Amino acid sequence: MKIFGRTQNEDAELELLTETTLLAEPEALRELASFLYRCADAIEDEGEEWEQDAFDSNESVCPQVVVFNPYIVDD
């Protein structure tokens, strides 16, 4: 697994992260966990046909979480 991220600066480059810290209420963590499970199921079900999905939180301020299919990304 690789985790990438950007700063709030719109011009920021995508960087490989060595650590991720989540500051979230239990409900938000459950929403994120559910999203990740759905992505995992979709990748298994659709294989290379599934490309990516973005997490849509009910919170007013939330960073975007995007999951890419590892089977279609070249290293």
C-alpha atoms as a PDB file:
ATOM      1  CA  MET A   1       0.000   0.000   0.000  1.00  0.00           C
ATOM      2  CA  LYS A   2       1.155   3.486  -0.845  1.00  0.00           C
ATOM      3  CA  ILE A   3      -0.424   6.636   0.568  1.00  0.00           C
ATOM      4  CA  PHE A   4      -0.152   9.926  -1.301  1.00  0.00           C
ATOM      5  CA  GLY A   5      -1.275  13.396  -0.299  1.00  0.00           C
ATOM      6  CA  ARG A   6      -1.199  17.117  -0.959  1.00  0.00           C
ATOM      7  CA  THR A   7      -1.178  20.216   1.225  1.00  0.00           C
ATOM      8  CA  GLN A   8      -4.029  22.718   1.134  1.00  0.00           C
ATOM      9  CA  ASN A   9      -2.064  24.739  -1.413  1.00  0.00           C
ATOM     10  CA  GLU A  10      -3.814  24.195  -4.766  1.00  0.00           C
ATOM     11  CA  ASP A  11      -0.460  24.079  -6.574  1.00  0.00           C
ATOM     12  CA  ALA A  12       0.914  21.351  -4.294  1.00  0.00           C
ATOM     13  CA  GLU A  13       2.376  18.275  -5.942  1.00  0.00           C
ATOM     14  CA  LEU A  14       1.202  14.800  -5.026  1.00  0.00           C
ATOM     15  CA  GLU A  15       3.688  13.400  -2.478  1.00  0.00           C
ATOM     16  CA  LEU A  16       4.301   9.894  -1.134  1.00  0.00           C
ATOM     17  CA  LEU A  17       3.479  10.023   2.585  1.00  0.00           C
ATOM     18  CA  THR A  18       5.195   8.055   5.333  1.00  0.00           C
ATOM     19  CA  GLU A  19       2.514   8.755   7.926  1.00  0.00           C
ATOM     20  CA  THR A  20      -1.164   9.667   7.988  1.00  0.00           C
ATOM     21  CA  THR A  21      -2.981  11.078  11.002  1.00  0.00           C
ATOM     22  CA  LEU A  22      -6.774  11.158  11.142  1.00  0.00           C
ATOM     23  CA  LEU A  23      -8.579  13.499  13.531  1.00  0.00           C
ATOM     24  CA  ALA A  24     -12.193  12.383  13.299  1.00  0.00           C
ATOM     25  CA  GLU A  25     -15.273  11.503  15.295  1.00  0.00           C
ATOM     26  CA  PRO A  26     -16.276   7.806  15.419  1.00  0.00           C
ATOM     27  CA  GLU A  27     -19.128   8.351  12.941  1.00  0.00           C
ATOM     28  CA  ALA A  28     -16.758   9.860  10.358  1.00  0.00           C
ATOM     29  CA  LEU A  29     -14.291   6.991  10.834  1.00  0.00           C
ATOM     30  CA  ARG A  30     -17.100   4.477  10.274  1.00  0.00           C
ATOM     31  CA  GLU A  31     -18.161   6.317   7.098  1.00  0.00           C
ATOM     32  CA  LEU A  32     -14.573   6.204   5.829  1.00  0.00           C
ATOM     33  CA  ALA A  33     -14.217   2.522   6.733  1.00  0.00           C
ATOM     34  CA  SER A  34     -17.457   1.717   4.906  1.00  0.00           C
ATOM     35  CA  PHE A  35     -16.213   3.613   1.836  1.00  0.00           C
ATOM     36  CA  LEU A  36     -12.934   1.660   1.859  1.00  0.00           C
ATOM     37  CA  TYR A  37     -14.795  -1.656   2.136  1.00  0.00           C
ATOM     38  CA  ARG A  38     -16.993  -0.695  -0.840  1.00  0.00           C
ATOM     39  CA  CYS A  39     -13.884   0.179  -2.871  1.00  0.00           C
ATOM     40  CA  ALA A  40     -12.222  -3.133  -1.983  1.00  0.00           C
ATOM     41  CA  ASP A  41     -15.346  -5.059  -2.998  1.00  0.00           C
ATOM     42  CA  ALA A  42     -15.600  -3.129  -6.282  1.00  0.00           C
ATOM     43  CA  ILE A  43     -11.936  -3.764  -7.136  1.00  0.00           C
ATOM     44  CA  GLU A  44     -12.408  -7.489  -6.494  1.00  0.00           C
ATOM     45  CA  ASP A  45     -15.680  -7.621  -8.445  1.00  0.00           C
ATOM     46  CA  GLU A  46     -14.705  -5.433 -11.411  1.00  0.00           C
ATOM     47  CA  GLY A  47     -10.934  -5.971 -11.654  1.00  0.00           C
ATOM     48  CA  GLU A  48      -9.236  -3.631 -14.104  1.00  0.00           C
ATOM     49  CA  GLU A  49     -12.602  -2.151 -15.141  1.00  0.00           C
ATOM     50  CA  TRP A  50     -12.836  -0.267 -11.821  1.00  0.00           C
ATOM     51  CA  GLU A  51     -10.634   2.835 -11.784  1.00  0.00           C
ATOM     52  CA  GLN A  52     -11.229   5.097  -8.783  1.00  0.00           C
ATOM     53  CA  ASP A  53     -13.739   6.549  -6.358  1.00  0.00           C
ATOM     54  CA  ALA A  54     -13.757   9.570  -4.046  1.00  0.00           C
ATOM     55  CA  PHE A  55     -15.059   9.655  -0.476  1.00  0.00           C
ATOM     56  CA  ASP A  56     -17.967  12.050   0.053  1.00  0.00           C
ATOM     57  CA  SER A  57     -18.322  12.902   3.739  1.00  0.00           C
ATOM     58  CA  ASN A  58     -21.307  14.446   5.474  1.00  0.00           C
ATOM     59  CA  GLU A  59     -18.909  16.723   7.367  1.00  0.00           C
ATOM     60  CA  SER A  60     -18.741  20.353   6.270  1.00  0.00           C
ATOM     61  CA  VAL A  61     -14.928  20.349   6.137  1.00  0.00           C
ATOM     62  CA  CYS A  62     -13.303  17.120   5.021  1.00  0.00           C
ATOM     63  CA  PRO A  63     -10.221  16.383   2.931  1.00  0.00           C
ATOM     64  CA  GLN A  64     -10.843  14.455  -0.247  1.00  0.00           C
ATOM     65  CA  VAL A  65     -10.015  10.750  -0.015  1.00  0.00           C
ATOM     66  CA  VAL A  66      -9.505   9.053  -3.383  1.00  0.00           C
ATOM     67  CA  VAL A  67      -8.930   5.326  -3.905  1.00  0.00           C
ATOM     68  CA  PHE A  68      -7.189   4.176  -7.107  1.00  0.00           C
ATOM     69  CA  ASN A  69      -7.208   0.629  -8.436  1.00  0.00           C
ATOM     70  CA  PRO A  70      -3.687  -0.811  -7.963  1.00  0.00           C
ATOM     71  CA  TYR A  71      -4.234  -3.213 -10.865  1.00  0.00           C
ATOM     72  CA  ILE A  72      -4.272  -0.390 -13.428  1.00  0.00           C
ATOM     73  CA  VAL A  73      -1.504   1.868 -12.012  1.00  0.00           C
ATOM     74  CA  ASP A  74       1.974   1.422 -13.482  1.00  0.00           C
ATOM     75  CA  ASP A  75       4.894   1.718 -11.025  1.00  0.00           C
END
